[in-house]
Amino acid sequence: MRAGAMGILSGRRGPSLASLAHWTKSWPSLLAVALALESGVVFFQLFSALPSWLPALSLVLLFTTLAWRWHQALLPACAALAFLLADLQAGQLLDRALPAGHSYTVSGRIQGIPQEQRGQWRLHLAPENLQGDLATRHSPALLELHGALPEVPVTGQRWRFEIRSESLHTLRHSAFVDLPRGRFWQGLLGAGKILSATPLPLSSWYPLDLLVQWRARVVQASNAALPRLEAGYVQALTVGIGNQLPPELWQIYRDTGTAHLLVISGSHVAVVTGFFLWFWRALWRRIPALVRRWPAQQAALVAAIPVAWIYAYLAGMQSPIRGFTKRRSLCPQPG
């Protein structure tokens, strides 16, 4: 017992988990571990088919055991662990893939900005409920759907679709970006043709549904208080809805290169956010106790960030280019 105590006091110690953790505290060691993890993920990306996870698990166990004695073995252990985790994640994603050639009823929320071309819409849907020919235990995280819709879709809206599933090979490809691989890791593992579509009623608690309701209230209030043309200007400049402006007026703006003035773009969001920033900073400066705890400029910047997002969603999160090339669709109304 005395010899063991002398050994501890003299600093001699055998291999242990504590010494392994101590080795990873230095910055060069942490960088090496990060590079090892990255190398495992990159090596997995070289495979075109899903490899078996058993060899990777065996290497993790082997190098972890060796790292107990030789700390340098921790690096290949980290690489093998990253490979194993990527393999397992890819397997889970493949289990969620939607087979082609089947009919499904799917309901969910629109993600991203829907794109319109020649009267057809293309959008991403985050499914909440999926029913169809084949029993699916887990649905894909995202579906890409295309087809005609009864009204303009808005980011965050809930819809119910009757679809016919298609092969993922029918989706757009690019010569510069590996889109299929990007879609795979994004969870976009299903595509389909829209057979019928129905917007679902808005909820009273979901934030995006509340914003859609506010959009509808702006439209209703402006139509009740102003003539149609003036109300169209108000709607275009506040919530990005320009369907009440006549086509010949849009043509004049397009010909003069000023159509962007009636479309919610980054400049509009910046103006609204800048006004709120100025107001919040002036209000913050009037309370000395708050200024002593946090500078007014920083507090205003932090408060203005959610305002920018809220206003962007209130404007429908629509693309400015699509906004002034096609603005004659019906305004979305709450369920």
C-alpha atoms as a PDB file:
ATOM      1  CA  MET A   1       0.000   0.000   0.000  1.00  0.00           C
ATOM      2  CA  ARG A   2       2.856   2.329   0.861  1.00  0.00           C
ATOM      3  CA  ALA A   3       4.538   1.492  -2.460  1.00  0.00           C
ATOM      4  CA  GLY A   4       1.346   2.331  -4.327  1.00  0.00           C
ATOM      5  CA  ALA A   5       1.113   5.663  -2.557  1.00  0.00           C
ATOM      6  CA  MET A   6       4.758   6.440  -3.352  1.00  0.00           C
ATOM      7  CA  GLY A   7       4.076   5.599  -6.986  1.00  0.00           C
ATOM      8  CA  ILE A   8       1.209   8.074  -7.099  1.00  0.00           C
ATOM      9  CA  LEU A   9       3.299  10.787  -5.447  1.00  0.00           C
ATOM     10  CA  SER A  10       6.185  10.214  -7.837  1.00  0.00           C
ATOM     11  CA  GLY A  11       3.906  10.776 -10.846  1.00  0.00           C
ATOM     12  CA  ARG A  12       4.236   7.269 -12.285  1.00  0.00           C
ATOM     13  CA  ARG A  13       0.911   5.973 -13.540  1.00  0.00           C
ATOM     14  CA  GLY A  14      -0.162   3.335 -15.996  1.00  0.00           C
ATOM     15  CA  PRO A  15      -2.497   3.716 -18.951  1.00  0.00           C
ATOM     16  CA  SER A  16      -5.986   4.891 -17.973  1.00  0.00           C
ATOM     17  CA  LEU A  17      -9.001   6.654 -19.357  1.00  0.00           C
ATOM     18  CA  ALA A  18      -8.043   9.784 -17.433  1.00  0.00           C
ATOM     19  CA  SER A  19      -4.648   9.939 -19.091  1.00  0.00           C
ATOM     20  CA  LEU A  20      -6.297   9.422 -22.488  1.00  0.00           C
ATOM     21  CA  ALA A  21      -8.658  12.334 -21.855  1.00  0.00           C
ATOM     22  CA  HIS A  22      -5.729  14.467 -20.666  1.00  0.00           C
ATOM     23  CA  TRP A  23      -3.923  13.768 -23.963  1.00  0.00           C
ATOM     24  CA  THR A  24      -6.854  15.229 -25.951  1.00  0.00           C
ATOM     25  CA  LYS A  25      -6.857  18.560 -24.085  1.00  0.00           C
ATOM     26  CA  SER A  26      -4.053  20.166 -26.093  1.00  0.00           C
ATOM     27  CA  TRP A  27      -4.977  22.137 -29.207  1.00  0.00           C
ATOM     28  CA  PRO A  28      -2.781  20.104 -31.595  1.00  0.00           C
ATOM     29  CA  SER A  29      -4.330  16.887 -30.309  1.00  0.00           C
ATOM     30  CA  LEU A  30      -7.854  18.238 -30.673  1.00  0.00           C
ATOM     31  CA  LEU A  31      -7.066  19.312 -34.244  1.00  0.00           C
ATOM     32  CA  ALA A  32      -5.742  15.848 -35.022  1.00  0.00           C
ATOM     33  CA  VAL A  33      -8.921  14.252 -33.616  1.00  0.00           C
ATOM     34  CA  ALA A  34     -11.097  16.593 -35.681  1.00  0.00           C
ATOM     35  CA  LEU A  35      -9.146  15.759 -38.845  1.00  0.00           C
ATOM     36  CA  ALA A  36      -9.467  12.054 -38.076  1.00  0.00           C
ATOM     37  CA  LEU A  37     -13.241  12.366 -37.727  1.00  0.00           C
ATOM     38  CA  GLU A  38     -13.410  14.324 -40.970  1.00  0.00           C
ATOM     39  CA  SER A  39     -11.301  11.745 -42.791  1.00  0.00           C
ATOM     40  CA  GLY A  40     -13.719   8.997 -41.731  1.00  0.00           C
ATOM     41  CA  VAL A  41     -16.689  10.912 -43.126  1.00  0.00           C
ATOM     42  CA  VAL A  42     -14.849  11.750 -46.359  1.00  0.00           C
ATOM     43  CA  PHE A  43     -13.807   8.137 -46.828  1.00  0.00           C
ATOM     44  CA  PHE A  44     -17.432   7.045 -46.421  1.00  0.00           C
ATOM     45  CA  GLN A  45     -18.486   9.485 -49.152  1.00  0.00           C
ATOM     46  CA  LEU A  46     -16.308   7.576 -51.629  1.00  0.00           C
ATOM     47  CA  PHE A  47     -18.647   4.579 -51.522  1.00  0.00           C
ATOM     48  CA  SER A  48     -21.409   4.431 -54.143  1.00  0.00           C
ATOM     49  CA  ALA A  49     -23.237   1.640 -52.287  1.00  0.00           C
ATOM     50  CA  LEU A  50     -23.952   1.270 -48.576  1.00  0.00           C
ATOM     51  CA  PRO A  51     -21.137  -0.788 -47.000  1.00  0.00           C
ATOM     52  CA  SER A  52     -21.573  -3.125 -44.058  1.00  0.00           C
ATOM     53  CA  TRP A  53     -21.149  -1.512 -40.652  1.00  0.00           C
ATOM     54  CA  LEU A  54     -19.552  -4.585 -39.020  1.00  0.00           C
ATOM     55  CA  PRO A  55     -15.956  -3.929 -40.246  1.00  0.00           C
ATOM     56  CA  ALA A  56     -16.167  -0.323 -39.058  1.00  0.00           C
ATOM     57  CA  LEU A  57     -17.428  -1.450 -35.642  1.00  0.00           C
ATOM     58  CA  SER A  58     -14.607  -3.989 -35.383  1.00  0.00           C
ATOM     59  CA  LEU A  59     -12.033  -1.285 -36.159  1.00  0.00           C
ATOM     60  CA  VAL A  60     -13.551   1.047 -33.570  1.00  0.00           C
ATOM     61  CA  LEU A  61     -13.284  -1.628 -30.872  1.00  0.00           C
ATOM     62  CA  LEU A  62      -9.769  -2.629 -31.932  1.00  0.00           C
ATOM     63  CA  PHE A  63      -8.274   0.870 -32.036  1.00  0.00           C
ATOM     64  CA  THR A  64     -10.084   1.947 -28.865  1.00  0.00           C
ATOM     65  CA  THR A  65      -8.514  -0.992 -27.052  1.00  0.00           C
ATOM     66  CA  LEU A  66      -5.086  -0.111 -28.431  1.00  0.00           C
ATOM     67  CA  ALA A  67      -5.576   3.546 -27.477  1.00  0.00           C
ATOM     68  CA  TRP A  68      -5.709   2.500 -23.834  1.00  0.00           C
ATOM     69  CA  ARG A  69      -1.998   1.794 -24.117  1.00  0.00           C
ATOM     70  CA  TRP A  70      -0.909   3.780 -27.182  1.00  0.00           C
ATOM     71  CA  HIS A  71      -2.681   7.100 -27.347  1.00  0.00           C
ATOM     72  CA  GLN A  72      -1.900   7.565 -31.035  1.00  0.00           C
ATOM     73  CA  ALA A  73      -4.370   4.750 -31.805  1.00  0.00           C
ATOM     74  CA  LEU A  74      -7.124   7.155 -30.825  1.00  0.00           C
ATOM     75  CA  LEU A  75      -6.891   8.836 -34.244  1.00  0.00           C
ATOM     76  CA  PRO A  76      -7.783   5.763 -36.352  1.00  0.00           C
ATOM     77  CA  ALA A  77     -10.418   4.926 -33.740  1.00  0.00           C
ATOM     78  CA  CYS A  78     -12.031   8.333 -34.324  1.00  0.00           C
ATOM     79  CA  ALA A  79     -11.879   7.877 -38.094  1.00  0.00           C
ATOM     80  CA  ALA A  80     -13.505   4.451 -37.842  1.00  0.00           C
ATOM     81  CA  LEU A  81     -16.157   5.832 -35.477  1.00  0.00           C
ATOM     82  CA  ALA A  82     -17.036   8.644 -37.910  1.00  0.00           C
ATOM     83  CA  PHE A  83     -17.285   6.098 -40.726  1.00  0.00           C
ATOM     84  CA  LEU A  84     -19.545   3.887 -38.581  1.00  0.00           C
ATOM     85  CA  LEU A  85     -21.879   6.739 -37.616  1.00  0.00           C
ATOM     86  CA  ALA A  86     -22.156   7.924 -41.227  1.00  0.00           C
ATOM     87  CA  ASP A  87     -22.908   4.360 -42.317  1.00  0.00           C
ATOM     88  CA  LEU A  88     -25.669   3.956 -39.723  1.00  0.00           C
ATOM     89  CA  GLN A  89     -27.192   7.338 -40.566  1.00  0.00           C
ATOM     90  CA  ALA A  90     -27.190   6.534 -44.284  1.00  0.00           C
ATOM     91  CA  GLY A  91     -28.899   3.207 -43.574  1.00  0.00           C
ATOM     92  CA  GLN A  92     -31.644   4.958 -41.608  1.00  0.00           C
ATOM     93  CA  LEU A  93     -32.179   7.431 -44.450  1.00  0.00           C
ATOM     94  CA  LEU A  94     -32.425   4.651 -47.044  1.00  0.00           C
ATOM     95  CA  ASP A  95     -35.142   2.988 -44.962  1.00  0.00           C
ATOM     96  CA  ARG A  96     -37.187   6.187 -45.307  1.00  0.00           C
ATOM     97  CA  ALA A  97     -36.968   6.367 -49.123  1.00  0.00           C
ATOM     98  CA  LEU A  98     -40.333   6.510 -50.897  1.00  0.00           C
ATOM     99  CA  PRO A  99     -40.716   3.872 -53.643  1.00  0.00           C
ATOM    100  CA  ALA A 100     -41.814   5.071 -57.075  1.00  0.00           C
ATOM    101  CA  GLY A 101     -45.072   4.225 -58.807  1.00  0.00           C
ATOM    102  CA  HIS A 102     -47.433   4.266 -55.817  1.00  0.00           C
ATOM    103  CA  SER A 103     -50.293   6.504 -54.710  1.00  0.00           C
ATOM    104  CA  TYR A 104     -50.093   8.318 -51.399  1.00  0.00           C
ATOM    105  CA  THR A 105     -52.054  10.789 -49.329  1.00  0.00           C
ATOM    106  CA  VAL A 106     -49.657  13.104 -47.543  1.00  0.00           C
ATOM    107  CA  SER A 107     -50.173  16.115 -45.316  1.00  0.00           C
ATOM    108  CA  GLY A 108     -47.465  18.427 -44.064  1.00  0.00           C
ATOM    109  CA  ARG A 109     -45.922  21.877 -44.137  1.00  0.00           C
ATOM    110  CA  ILE A 110     -44.254  23.593 -47.063  1.00  0.00           C
ATOM    111  CA  GLN A 111     -40.523  24.109 -46.594  1.00  0.00           C
ATOM    112  CA  GLY A 112     -38.428  26.636 -48.513  1.00  0.00           C
ATOM    113  CA  ILE A 113     -39.723  28.829 -51.334  1.00  0.00           C
ATOM    114  CA  PRO A 114     -42.167  27.217 -53.788  1.00  0.00           C
ATOM    115  CA  GLN A 115     -41.217  27.763 -57.429  1.00  0.00           C
ATOM    116  CA  GLU A 116     -43.735  28.378 -60.226  1.00  0.00           C
ATOM    117  CA  GLN A 117     -43.175  27.693 -63.916  1.00  0.00           C
ATOM    118  CA  ARG A 118     -45.835  27.658 -66.647  1.00  0.00           C
ATOM    119  CA  GLY A 119     -48.691  27.280 -64.182  1.00  0.00           C
ATOM    120  CA  GLN A 120     -47.035  24.361 -62.362  1.00  0.00           C
ATOM    121  CA  TRP A 121     -45.632  24.539 -58.854  1.00  0.00           C
ATOM    122  CA  ARG A 122     -42.599  22.734 -57.462  1.00  0.00           C
ATOM    123  CA  LEU A 123     -42.202  22.676 -53.697  1.00  0.00           C
ATOM    124  CA  HIS A 124     -40.662  20.845 -50.759  1.00  0.00           C
ATOM    125  CA  LEU A 125     -43.002  19.351 -48.166  1.00  0.00           C
ATOM    126  CA  ALA A 126     -42.132  18.176 -44.659  1.00  0.00           C
ATOM    127  CA  PRO A 127     -44.605  15.285 -44.178  1.00  0.00           C
ATOM    128  CA  GLU A 128     -46.628  15.011 -40.991  1.00  0.00           C
ATOM    129  CA  ASN A 129     -48.808  12.103 -42.077  1.00  0.00           C
ATOM    130  CA  LEU A 130     -48.254   9.697 -44.982  1.00  0.00           C
ATOM    131  CA  GLN A 131     -50.665   6.992 -46.078  1.00  0.00           C
ATOM    132  CA  GLY A 132     -50.567   4.934 -49.226  1.00  0.00           C
ATOM    133  CA  ASP A 133     -50.250   1.653 -51.089  1.00  0.00           C
ATOM    134  CA  LEU A 134     -47.184   0.509 -49.174  1.00  0.00           C
ATOM    135  CA  ALA A 135     -47.062   0.700 -45.388  1.00  0.00           C
ATOM    136  CA  THR A 136     -44.323   3.174 -44.456  1.00  0.00           C
ATOM    137  CA  ARG A 137     -43.072   3.075 -40.907  1.00  0.00           C
ATOM    138  CA  HIS A 138     -41.020   6.236 -41.316  1.00  0.00           C
ATOM    139  CA  SER A 139     -41.629   8.847 -43.994  1.00  0.00           C
ATOM    140  CA  PRO A 140     -38.843  10.899 -45.604  1.00  0.00           C
ATOM    141  CA  ALA A 141     -37.892  14.149 -43.940  1.00  0.00           C
ATOM    142  CA  LEU A 142     -38.689  15.994 -47.183  1.00  0.00           C
ATOM    143  CA  LEU A 143     -40.691  15.353 -50.343  1.00  0.00           C
ATOM    144  CA  GLU A 144     -40.357  17.243 -53.612  1.00  0.00           C
ATOM    145  CA  LEU A 145     -43.739  17.592 -55.287  1.00  0.00           C
ATOM    146  CA  HIS A 146     -44.812  19.225 -58.531  1.00  0.00           C
ATOM    147  CA  GLY A 147     -48.142  19.989 -60.155  1.00  0.00           C
ATOM    148  CA  ALA A 148     -51.027  22.456 -60.289  1.00  0.00           C
ATOM    149  CA  LEU A 149     -52.377  24.048 -57.109  1.00  0.00           C
ATOM    150  CA  PRO A 150     -55.671  25.859 -56.459  1.00  0.00           C
ATOM    151  CA  GLU A 151     -53.913  28.852 -54.858  1.00  0.00           C
ATOM    152  CA  VAL A 152     -50.484  30.312 -54.233  1.00  0.00           C
ATOM    153  CA  PRO A 153     -48.555  28.183 -51.701  1.00  0.00           C
ATOM    154  CA  VAL A 154     -46.741  29.993 -48.909  1.00  0.00           C
ATOM    155  CA  THR A 155     -43.837  28.825 -46.788  1.00  0.00           C
ATOM    156  CA  GLY A 156     -45.109  27.248 -43.571  1.00  0.00           C
ATOM    157  CA  GLN A 157     -48.604  26.470 -44.841  1.00  0.00           C
ATOM    158  CA  ARG A 158     -50.155  23.055 -44.185  1.00  0.00           C
ATOM    159  CA  TRP A 159     -51.499  21.159 -47.208  1.00  0.00           C
ATOM    160  CA  ARG A 160     -52.951  17.749 -47.967  1.00  0.00           C
ATOM    161  CA  PHE A 161     -51.903  16.198 -51.284  1.00  0.00           C
ATOM    162  CA  GLU A 162     -52.885  13.173 -53.298  1.00  0.00           C
ATOM    163  CA  ILE A 163     -49.681  12.224 -55.100  1.00  0.00           C
ATOM    164  CA  ARG A 164     -48.221   9.591 -57.392  1.00  0.00           C
ATOM    165  CA  SER A 165     -44.686   8.857 -56.325  1.00  0.00           C
ATOM    166  CA  GLU A 166     -41.885   9.123 -58.875  1.00  0.00           C
ATOM    167  CA  SER A 167     -38.254   8.093 -59.104  1.00  0.00           C
ATOM    168  CA  LEU A 168     -35.715  10.479 -57.606  1.00  0.00           C
ATOM    169  CA  HIS A 169     -33.881  10.341 -60.944  1.00  0.00           C
ATOM    170  CA  THR A 170     -36.608  12.576 -62.391  1.00  0.00           C
ATOM    171  CA  LEU A 171     -35.443  15.491 -60.223  1.00  0.00           C
ATOM    172  CA  ARG A 172     -33.229  18.247 -61.536  1.00  0.00           C
ATOM    173  CA  HIS A 173     -29.509  17.542 -61.936  1.00  0.00           C
ATOM    174  CA  SER A 174     -26.530  19.849 -62.164  1.00  0.00           C
ATOM    175  CA  ALA A 175     -23.170  19.515 -63.870  1.00  0.00           C
ATOM    176  CA  PHE A 176     -21.501  21.590 -61.141  1.00  0.00           C
ATOM    177  CA  VAL A 177     -23.045  20.290 -57.889  1.00  0.00           C
ATOM    178  CA  ASP A 178     -23.742  16.751 -56.713  1.00  0.00           C
ATOM    179  CA  LEU A 179     -27.438  17.407 -56.135  1.00  0.00           C
ATOM    180  CA  PRO A 180     -28.504  13.764 -55.552  1.00  0.00           C
ATOM    181  CA  ARG A 181     -25.996  13.363 -52.735  1.00  0.00           C
ATOM    182  CA  GLY A 182     -27.019  16.689 -51.232  1.00  0.00           C
ATOM    183  CA  ARG A 183     -30.689  15.742 -51.360  1.00  0.00           C
ATOM    184  CA  PHE A 184     -29.924  12.403 -49.748  1.00  0.00           C
ATOM    185  CA  TRP A 185     -28.240  13.904 -46.691  1.00  0.00           C
ATOM    186  CA  GLN A 186     -30.923  16.590 -46.545  1.00  0.00           C
ATOM    187  CA  GLY A 187     -33.512  13.845 -46.165  1.00  0.00           C
ATOM    188  CA  LEU A 188     -35.215  14.503 -49.500  1.00  0.00           C
ATOM    189  CA  LEU A 189     -35.982  10.882 -50.359  1.00  0.00           C
ATOM    190  CA  GLY A 190     -39.288  11.118 -52.147  1.00  0.00           C
ATOM    191  CA  ALA A 191     -40.715  12.807 -55.240  1.00  0.00           C
ATOM    192  CA  GLY A 192     -44.205  12.849 -56.647  1.00  0.00           C
ATOM    193  CA  LYS A 193     -46.754  14.298 -59.040  1.00  0.00           C
ATOM    194  CA  ILE A 194     -49.576  16.243 -57.374  1.00  0.00           C
ATOM    195  CA  LEU A 195     -52.957  14.764 -58.327  1.00  0.00           C
ATOM    196  CA  SER A 196     -55.043  16.938 -56.014  1.00  0.00           C
ATOM    197  CA  ALA A 197     -54.260  19.481 -53.314  1.00  0.00           C
ATOM    198  CA  THR A 198     -56.203  21.004 -50.436  1.00  0.00           C
ATOM    199  CA  PRO A 199     -54.929  23.689 -48.041  1.00  0.00           C
ATOM    200  CA  LEU A 200     -55.519  22.679 -44.432  1.00  0.00           C
ATOM    201  CA  PRO A 201     -57.051  24.947 -41.770  1.00  0.00           C
ATOM    202  CA  LEU A 202     -54.620  27.135 -39.896  1.00  0.00           C
ATOM    203  CA  SER A 203     -53.933  26.484 -36.230  1.00  0.00           C
ATOM    204  CA  SER A 204     -54.234  29.135 -33.539  1.00  0.00           C
ATOM    205  CA  TRP A 205     -50.909  28.318 -31.867  1.00  0.00           C
ATOM    206  CA  TYR A 206     -48.351  27.595 -34.598  1.00  0.00           C
ATOM    207  CA  PRO A 207     -46.250  30.754 -35.271  1.00  0.00           C
ATOM    208  CA  LEU A 208     -46.160  30.384 -39.074  1.00  0.00           C
ATOM    209  CA  ASP A 209     -49.924  29.909 -39.191  1.00  0.00           C
ATOM    210  CA  LEU A 210     -50.349  33.112 -37.198  1.00  0.00           C
ATOM    211  CA  LEU A 211     -48.236  34.962 -39.760  1.00  0.00           C
ATOM    212  CA  VAL A 212     -50.389  33.609 -42.583  1.00  0.00           C
ATOM    213  CA  GLN A 213     -53.470  34.860 -40.730  1.00  0.00           C
ATOM    214  CA  TRP A 214     -51.890  38.301 -40.348  1.00  0.00           C
ATOM    215  CA  ARG A 215     -51.230  38.358 -44.104  1.00  0.00           C
ATOM    216  CA  ALA A 216     -54.895  37.659 -44.767  1.00  0.00           C
ATOM    217  CA  ARG A 217     -55.929  40.381 -42.307  1.00  0.00           C
ATOM    218  CA  VAL A 218     -53.722  42.942 -44.067  1.00  0.00           C
ATOM    219  CA  VAL A 219     -55.392  42.038 -47.372  1.00  0.00           C
ATOM    220  CA  GLN A 220     -58.887  42.225 -45.915  1.00  0.00           C
ATOM    221  CA  ALA A 221     -58.265  45.502 -44.069  1.00  0.00           C
ATOM    222  CA  SER A 222     -56.682  47.228 -47.074  1.00  0.00           C
ATOM    223  CA  ASN A 223     -59.489  46.083 -49.385  1.00  0.00           C
ATOM    224  CA  ALA A 224     -62.071  47.402 -46.920  1.00  0.00           C
ATOM    225  CA  ALA A 225     -60.405  50.795 -46.443  1.00  0.00           C
ATOM    226  CA  LEU A 226     -59.017  51.630 -49.902  1.00  0.00           C
ATOM    227  CA  PRO A 227     -59.958  51.351 -53.575  1.00  0.00           C
ATOM    228  CA  ARG A 228     -58.724  48.267 -55.364  1.00  0.00           C
ATOM    229  CA  LEU A 229     -55.675  49.848 -57.002  1.00  0.00           C
ATOM    230  CA  GLU A 230     -54.494  51.639 -53.856  1.00  0.00           C
ATOM    231  CA  ALA A 231     -55.102  48.493 -51.800  1.00  0.00           C
ATOM    232  CA  GLY A 232     -53.002  46.557 -54.312  1.00  0.00           C
ATOM    233  CA  TYR A 233     -50.084  48.925 -53.750  1.00  0.00           C
ATOM    234  CA  VAL A 234     -50.395  48.563 -49.971  1.00  0.00           C
ATOM    235  CA  GLN A 235     -50.454  44.765 -50.193  1.00  0.00           C
ATOM    236  CA  ALA A 236     -47.483  44.648 -52.579  1.00  0.00           C
ATOM    237  CA  LEU A 237     -45.365  46.933 -50.381  1.00  0.00           C
ATOM    238  CA  THR A 238     -46.269  45.341 -47.034  1.00  0.00           C
ATOM    239  CA  VAL A 239     -46.853  41.608 -47.470  1.00  0.00           C
ATOM    240  CA  GLY A 240     -45.636  41.007 -51.023  1.00  0.00           C
ATOM    241  CA  ILE A 241     -49.030  40.255 -52.611  1.00  0.00           C
ATOM    242  CA  GLY A 242     -49.447  42.003 -55.971  1.00  0.00           C
ATOM    243  CA  ASN A 243     -52.321  40.125 -57.576  1.00  0.00           C
ATOM    244  CA  GLN A 244     -54.641  43.156 -57.332  1.00  0.00           C
ATOM    245  CA  LEU A 245     -52.405  45.301 -59.526  1.00  0.00           C
ATOM    246  CA  PRO A 246     -53.470  45.089 -63.185  1.00  0.00           C
ATOM    247  CA  PRO A 247     -51.182  43.231 -65.633  1.00  0.00           C
ATOM    248  CA  GLU A 248     -50.603  46.356 -67.745  1.00  0.00           C
ATOM    249  CA  LEU A 249     -49.282  48.175 -64.676  1.00  0.00           C
ATOM    250  CA  TRP A 250     -46.832  45.341 -63.964  1.00  0.00           C
ATOM    251  CA  GLN A 251     -45.736  45.506 -67.583  1.00  0.00           C
ATOM    252  CA  ILE A 252     -44.922  49.214 -67.223  1.00  0.00           C
ATOM    253  CA  TYR A 253     -42.827  48.550 -64.138  1.00  0.00           C
ATOM    254  CA  ARG A 254     -41.023  45.674 -65.866  1.00  0.00           C
ATOM    255  CA  ASP A 255     -40.304  47.750 -68.955  1.00  0.00           C
ATOM    256  CA  THR A 256     -38.882  50.595 -66.866  1.00  0.00           C
ATOM    257  CA  GLY A 257     -36.827  48.245 -64.690  1.00  0.00           C
ATOM    258  CA  THR A 258     -38.570  49.360 -61.480  1.00  0.00           C
ATOM    259  CA  ALA A 259     -40.690  46.277 -60.724  1.00  0.00           C
ATOM    260  CA  HIS A 260     -38.394  45.464 -57.800  1.00  0.00           C
ATOM    261  CA  LEU A 261     -39.822  48.490 -55.961  1.00  0.00           C
ATOM    262  CA  LEU A 262     -43.147  46.687 -55.543  1.00  0.00           C
ATOM    263  CA  VAL A 263     -41.648  43.366 -54.480  1.00  0.00           C
ATOM    264  CA  ILE A 264     -40.574  42.484 -50.962  1.00  0.00           C
ATOM    265  CA  SER A 265     -36.810  42.120 -51.277  1.00  0.00           C
ATOM    266  CA  GLY A 266     -33.780  42.505 -49.078  1.00  0.00           C
ATOM    267  CA  SER A 267     -34.024  46.299 -49.190  1.00  0.00           C
ATOM    268  CA  HIS A 268     -37.577  46.244 -47.825  1.00  0.00           C
ATOM    269  CA  VAL A 269     -36.593  43.882 -45.022  1.00  0.00           C
ATOM    270  CA  ALA A 270     -33.576  46.083 -44.263  1.00  0.00           C
ATOM    271  CA  VAL A 271     -35.747  49.221 -44.031  1.00  0.00           C
ATOM    272  CA  VAL A 272     -38.223  47.601 -41.645  1.00  0.00           C
ATOM    273  CA  THR A 273     -35.470  46.046 -39.560  1.00  0.00           C
ATOM    274  CA  GLY A 274     -33.476  49.286 -39.497  1.00  0.00           C
ATOM    275  CA  PHE A 275     -36.479  51.269 -38.274  1.00  0.00           C
ATOM    276  CA  PHE A 276     -37.076  48.746 -35.481  1.00  0.00           C
ATOM    277  CA  LEU A 277     -33.361  48.801 -34.598  1.00  0.00           C
ATOM    278  CA  TRP A 278     -33.403  52.605 -34.308  1.00  0.00           C
ATOM    279  CA  PHE A 279     -36.583  52.549 -32.198  1.00  0.00           C
ATOM    280  CA  TRP A 280     -35.315  49.803 -29.859  1.00  0.00           C
ATOM    281  CA  ARG A 281     -31.931  51.481 -29.411  1.00  0.00           C
ATOM    282  CA  ALA A 282     -33.575  54.812 -28.519  1.00  0.00           C
ATOM    283  CA  LEU A 283     -35.878  53.062 -26.069  1.00  0.00           C
ATOM    284  CA  TRP A 284     -32.993  51.100 -24.508  1.00  0.00           C
ATOM    285  CA  ARG A 285     -30.922  54.252 -23.976  1.00  0.00           C
ATOM    286  CA  ARG A 286     -33.663  55.787 -21.851  1.00  0.00           C
ATOM    287  CA  ILE A 287     -33.163  53.134 -19.153  1.00  0.00           C
ATOM    288  CA  PRO A 288     -29.694  53.626 -17.562  1.00  0.00           C
ATOM    289  CA  ALA A 289     -29.807  50.318 -15.693  1.00  0.00           C
ATOM    290  CA  LEU A 290     -30.139  48.422 -18.983  1.00  0.00           C
ATOM    291  CA  VAL A 291     -27.365  50.425 -20.652  1.00  0.00           C
ATOM    292  CA  ARG A 292     -24.971  49.594 -17.816  1.00  0.00           C
ATOM    293  CA  ARG A 293     -25.672  45.890 -18.250  1.00  0.00           C
ATOM    294  CA  TRP A 294     -25.592  45.797 -22.054  1.00  0.00           C
ATOM    295  CA  PRO A 295     -24.794  48.465 -24.704  1.00  0.00           C
ATOM    296  CA  ALA A 296     -27.850  49.771 -26.519  1.00  0.00           C
ATOM    297  CA  GLN A 297     -26.415  49.068 -29.978  1.00  0.00           C
ATOM    298  CA  GLN A 298     -25.828  45.387 -29.245  1.00  0.00           C
ATOM    299  CA  ALA A 299     -29.239  44.977 -27.605  1.00  0.00           C
ATOM    300  CA  ALA A 300     -30.915  46.552 -30.642  1.00  0.00           C
ATOM    301  CA  LEU A 301     -29.021  44.290 -33.056  1.00  0.00           C
ATOM    302  CA  VAL A 302     -30.039  41.153 -31.155  1.00  0.00           C
ATOM    303  CA  ALA A 303     -33.670  42.288 -31.009  1.00  0.00           C
ATOM    304  CA  ALA A 304     -33.747  43.193 -34.716  1.00  0.00           C
ATOM    305  CA  ILE A 305     -32.724  39.737 -35.973  1.00  0.00           C
ATOM    306  CA  PRO A 306     -36.056  38.006 -35.152  1.00  0.00           C
ATOM    307  CA  VAL A 307     -37.917  41.043 -36.531  1.00  0.00           C
ATOM    308  CA  ALA A 308     -36.221  40.531 -39.908  1.00  0.00           C
ATOM    309  CA  TRP A 309     -37.222  36.861 -39.976  1.00  0.00           C
ATOM    310  CA  ILE A 310     -40.795  37.608 -38.891  1.00  0.00           C
ATOM    311  CA  TYR A 311     -41.235  40.226 -41.596  1.00  0.00           C
ATOM    312  CA  ALA A 312     -39.723  37.928 -44.223  1.00  0.00           C
ATOM    313  CA  TYR A 313     -42.195  35.189 -43.264  1.00  0.00           C
ATOM    314  CA  LEU A 314     -45.025  37.722 -43.133  1.00  0.00           C
ATOM    315  CA  ALA A 315     -44.169  38.587 -46.750  1.00  0.00           C
ATOM    316  CA  GLY A 316     -44.475  34.904 -47.622  1.00  0.00           C
ATOM    317  CA  MET A 317     -40.734  34.157 -47.971  1.00  0.00           C
ATOM    318  CA  GLN A 318     -41.258  34.521 -51.725  1.00  0.00           C
ATOM    319  CA  SER A 319     -38.503  34.933 -54.295  1.00  0.00           C
ATOM    320  CA  PRO A 320     -38.317  38.552 -55.602  1.00  0.00           C
ATOM    321  CA  ILE A 321     -37.715  37.357 -59.186  1.00  0.00           C
ATOM    322  CA  ARG A 322     -40.828  35.219 -59.198  1.00  0.00           C
ATOM    323  CA  GLY A 323     -42.661  38.034 -57.429  1.00  0.00           C
ATOM    324  CA  PHE A 324     -42.660  40.485 -60.338  1.00  0.00           C
ATOM    325  CA  THR A 325     -42.762  37.975 -63.170  1.00  0.00           C
ATOM    326  CA  LYS A 326     -45.946  36.308 -61.985  1.00  0.00           C
ATOM    327  CA  ARG A 327     -48.073  38.202 -59.478  1.00  0.00           C
ATOM    328  CA  ARG A 328     -51.570  37.575 -60.715  1.00  0.00           C
ATOM    329  CA  SER A 329     -52.407  34.430 -58.747  1.00  0.00           C
ATOM    330  CA  LEU A 330     -55.023  34.286 -56.029  1.00  0.00           C
ATOM    331  CA  CYS A 331     -54.085  35.381 -52.544  1.00  0.00           C
ATOM    332  CA  PRO A 332     -53.883  32.468 -50.085  1.00  0.00           C
ATOM    333  CA  GLN A 333     -56.747  32.567 -47.626  1.00  0.00           C
ATOM    334  CA  PRO A 334     -56.857  30.907 -44.217  1.00  0.00           C
ATOM    335  CA  GLY A 335     -58.542  27.504 -44.111  1.00  0.00           C
END
